[in-house]
């Protein structure tokens, strides 16, 4: 069996690994984007809440209500910091998945190039073999005509 055909099995495995890495990267991207959307929503909510506090502070506001608002804003800040830490973790995971996919892509692409090189070499060898057979046949025919 030709080397290029034997290597097709290896290429199939590399393609499968690349596809798996691509799927993992897609899942990591989804998680990252969902976390980013959650942070964006929390930031919007916090801004709306602050705007509402400013609007309600037009008149006299009891100290207890003001303290409750400030405590709630502080809780939102804490939640946002935690969410940002989680986003940073997810971003690291996404980058790692992207790196793994890139490596898998390069391995698959390298295998494709190697197989193509093998095919060209096999074709050159086949062409030389056919040329040798043709030359030998021509030599025998020439020898018969002379002899």
Protein backbone atom coordinates (compact mmCIF):
# COMPACT_ATOMS: atom_id res chain seq x y z
CA UNK A 1 0.00 0.00 0.00
CA UNK A 2 1.25 3.45 -0.82
CA UNK A 3 2.58 5.55 2.02
CA UNK A 4 0.15 8.39 1.19
CA UNK A 5 -2.80 5.99 1.58
CA UNK A 6 -1.48 4.65 4.89
CA UNK A 7 -1.08 8.20 6.16
CA UNK A 8 -4.72 8.97 5.35
CA UNK A 9 -5.65 7.21 8.60
CA UNK A 10 -3.34 9.54 10.53
CA UNK A 11 -4.84 12.52 8.72
CA UNK A 12 -8.33 11.40 9.71
CA UNK A 13 -7.23 11.23 13.34
CA UNK A 14 -5.70 14.71 13.13
CA UNK A 15 -8.89 16.06 11.56
CA UNK A 16 -10.91 14.53 14.39
CA UNK A 17 -8.61 16.08 17.01
CA UNK A 18 -8.87 19.45 15.30
CA UNK A 19 -12.66 19.23 15.25
CA UNK A 20 -12.76 18.33 18.94
CA UNK A 21 -10.48 21.25 19.76
CA UNK A 22 -12.69 23.55 17.69
CA UNK A 23 -15.78 22.36 19.55
CA UNK A 24 -14.08 22.92 22.91
CA UNK A 25 -13.07 26.40 21.82
CA UNK A 26 -16.64 27.12 20.75
CA UNK A 27 -17.97 26.01 24.12
CA UNK A 28 -15.37 28.10 25.95
CA UNK A 29 -16.34 31.09 23.80
CA UNK A 30 -20.02 30.59 24.64
CA UNK A 31 -19.25 30.49 28.36
CA UNK A 32 -17.06 33.59 28.10
CA UNK A 33 -19.69 35.51 26.15
CA UNK A 34 -22.46 34.47 28.57
CA UNK A 35 -20.36 35.65 31.51
CA UNK A 36 -19.59 38.92 29.72
CA UNK A 37 -23.30 39.44 29.03
CA UNK A 38 -24.08 38.78 32.70
CA UNK A 39 -21.52 41.39 33.76
CA UNK A 40 -22.91 43.86 31.25
CA UNK A 41 -26.41 43.29 32.62
CA UNK A 42 -25.20 43.78 36.19
CA UNK A 43 -23.42 46.99 35.23
CA UNK A 44 -26.59 48.30 33.55
CA UNK A 45 -28.68 47.32 36.54
CA UNK A 46 -26.26 49.02 38.91
CA UNK A 47 -26.28 52.19 36.80
CA UNK A 48 -30.08 52.22 36.65
CA UNK A 49 -30.21 51.73 40.41
CA UNK A 50 -27.78 54.62 40.95
CA UNK A 51 -29.81 56.82 38.63
CA UNK A 52 -32.96 55.89 40.54
CA UNK A 53 -31.25 56.79 43.84
CA UNK A 54 -30.20 60.17 42.46
CA UNK A 55 -33.72 60.79 41.24
CA UNK A 56 -35.23 59.83 44.62
CA UNK A 57 -32.74 61.99 46.50
CA UNK A 58 -34.40 65.15 45.20
CA UNK A 59 -36.25 65.49 48.46
CA UNK A 60 -35.52 64.48 52.01
CA UNK A 61 -34.42 60.86 52.32
CA UNK A 62 -34.30 59.04 55.63
CA UNK A 63 -30.78 58.01 56.65
CA UNK A 64 -31.79 54.35 56.95
CA UNK A 65 -32.99 54.30 53.31
CA UNK A 66 -29.80 56.02 52.14
CA UNK A 67 -27.68 53.48 54.05
CA UNK A 68 -29.69 50.62 52.56
CA UNK A 69 -29.11 51.99 49.05
CA UNK A 70 -25.39 52.34 49.70
CA UNK A 71 -25.20 48.82 51.13
CA UNK A 72 -26.99 47.43 48.08
CA UNK A 73 -24.62 49.28 45.71
CA UNK A 74 -21.67 47.87 47.71
CA UNK A 75 -23.11 44.35 47.32
CA UNK A 76 -23.46 44.89 43.58
CA UNK A 77 -19.84 46.06 43.43
CA UNK A 78 -18.74 42.90 45.21
CA UNK A 79 -20.79 40.69 42.90
CA UNK A 80 -19.33 42.50 39.89
CA UNK A 81 -15.77 41.91 41.15
CA UNK A 82 -16.52 38.20 41.62
CA UNK A 83 -18.09 38.00 38.18
CA UNK A 84 -15.05 39.75 36.67
CA UNK A 85 -12.73 37.21 38.32
CA UNK A 86 -14.81 34.43 36.82
CA UNK A 87 -14.66 36.18 33.44
CA UNK A 88 -10.87 36.34 33.72
CA UNK A 89 -10.77 32.59 34.39
CA UNK A 90 -13.03 31.94 31.41
CA UNK A 91 -10.91 34.18 29.22
CA UNK A 92 -7.82 32.16 30.20
CA UNK A 93 -9.65 28.94 29.37
CA UNK A 94 -10.74 30.37 26.02
CA UNK A 95 -7.17 31.36 25.18
CA UNK A 96 -5.94 27.88 26.13
CA UNK A 97 -8.61 26.29 23.92
CA UNK A 98 -7.68 28.62 21.09
CA UNK A 99 -4.01 27.65 21.49
CA UNK A 100 -4.89 23.93 21.48
CA UNK A 101 -7.05 24.35 18.38
CA UNK A 102 -4.26 26.27 16.64
CA UNK A 103 -1.82 23.44 17.39
CA UNK A 104 -4.31 20.83 16.15
CA UNK A 105 -4.89 22.87 12.99
CA UNK A 106 -1.15 23.12 12.38
CA UNK A 107 -0.67 19.36 12.93
CA UNK A 108 -3.50 18.55 10.51
CA UNK A 109 -2.22 21.03 7.94
CA UNK A 110 1.31 19.65 8.31
CA UNK A 111 0.01 16.12 7.76
CA UNK A 112 -1.85 17.25 4.63
CA UNK A 113 1.33 18.81 3.26
CA UNK A 114 3.36 15.71 4.11
CA UNK A 115 0.83 13.45 2.39
CA UNK A 116 0.91 15.70 -0.67
CA UNK A 117 4.72 15.48 -0.69
CA UNK A 118 4.45 11.68 -0.47
CA UNK A 119 1.97 11.64 -3.36
CA UNK A 120 4.27 13.74 -5.54
CA UNK A 121 7.21 11.45 -4.68
CA UNK A 122 5.11 8.36 -5.41
CA UNK A 123 4.05 9.89 -8.73
CA UNK A 124 7.69 10.67 -9.63
CA UNK A 125 8.67 7.09 -8.77
CA UNK A 126 5.78 5.74 -10.85
CA UNK A 127 6.71 7.99 -13.76
CA UNK A 128 10.36 6.83 -13.57
CA UNK A 129 9.26 3.20 -13.43
CA UNK A 130 7.03 3.64 -16.47
CA UNK A 131 9.80 5.49 -18.31
CA UNK A 132 12.26 2.68 -17.51
CA UNK A 133 9.79 0.08 -18.80
CA UNK A 134 9.19 2.12 -21.94
CA UNK A 135 12.94 2.52 -22.49
CA UNK A 136 13.52 -1.20 -21.99
CA UNK A 137 10.72 -2.04 -24.42
CA UNK A 138 12.11 0.38 -26.97
CA UNK A 139 15.58 -1.10 -26.49
CA UNK A 140 14.28 -4.63 -27.06
CA UNK A 141 12.38 -3.53 -30.15
CA UNK A 142 15.46 -1.80 -31.50
CA UNK A 143 17.58 -4.88 -30.80
CA UNK A 144 15.08 -7.12 -32.65
CA UNK A 145 15.10 -4.86 -35.69
CA UNK A 146 18.90 -4.82 -35.81
CA UNK A 147 19.30 -8.42 -35.11
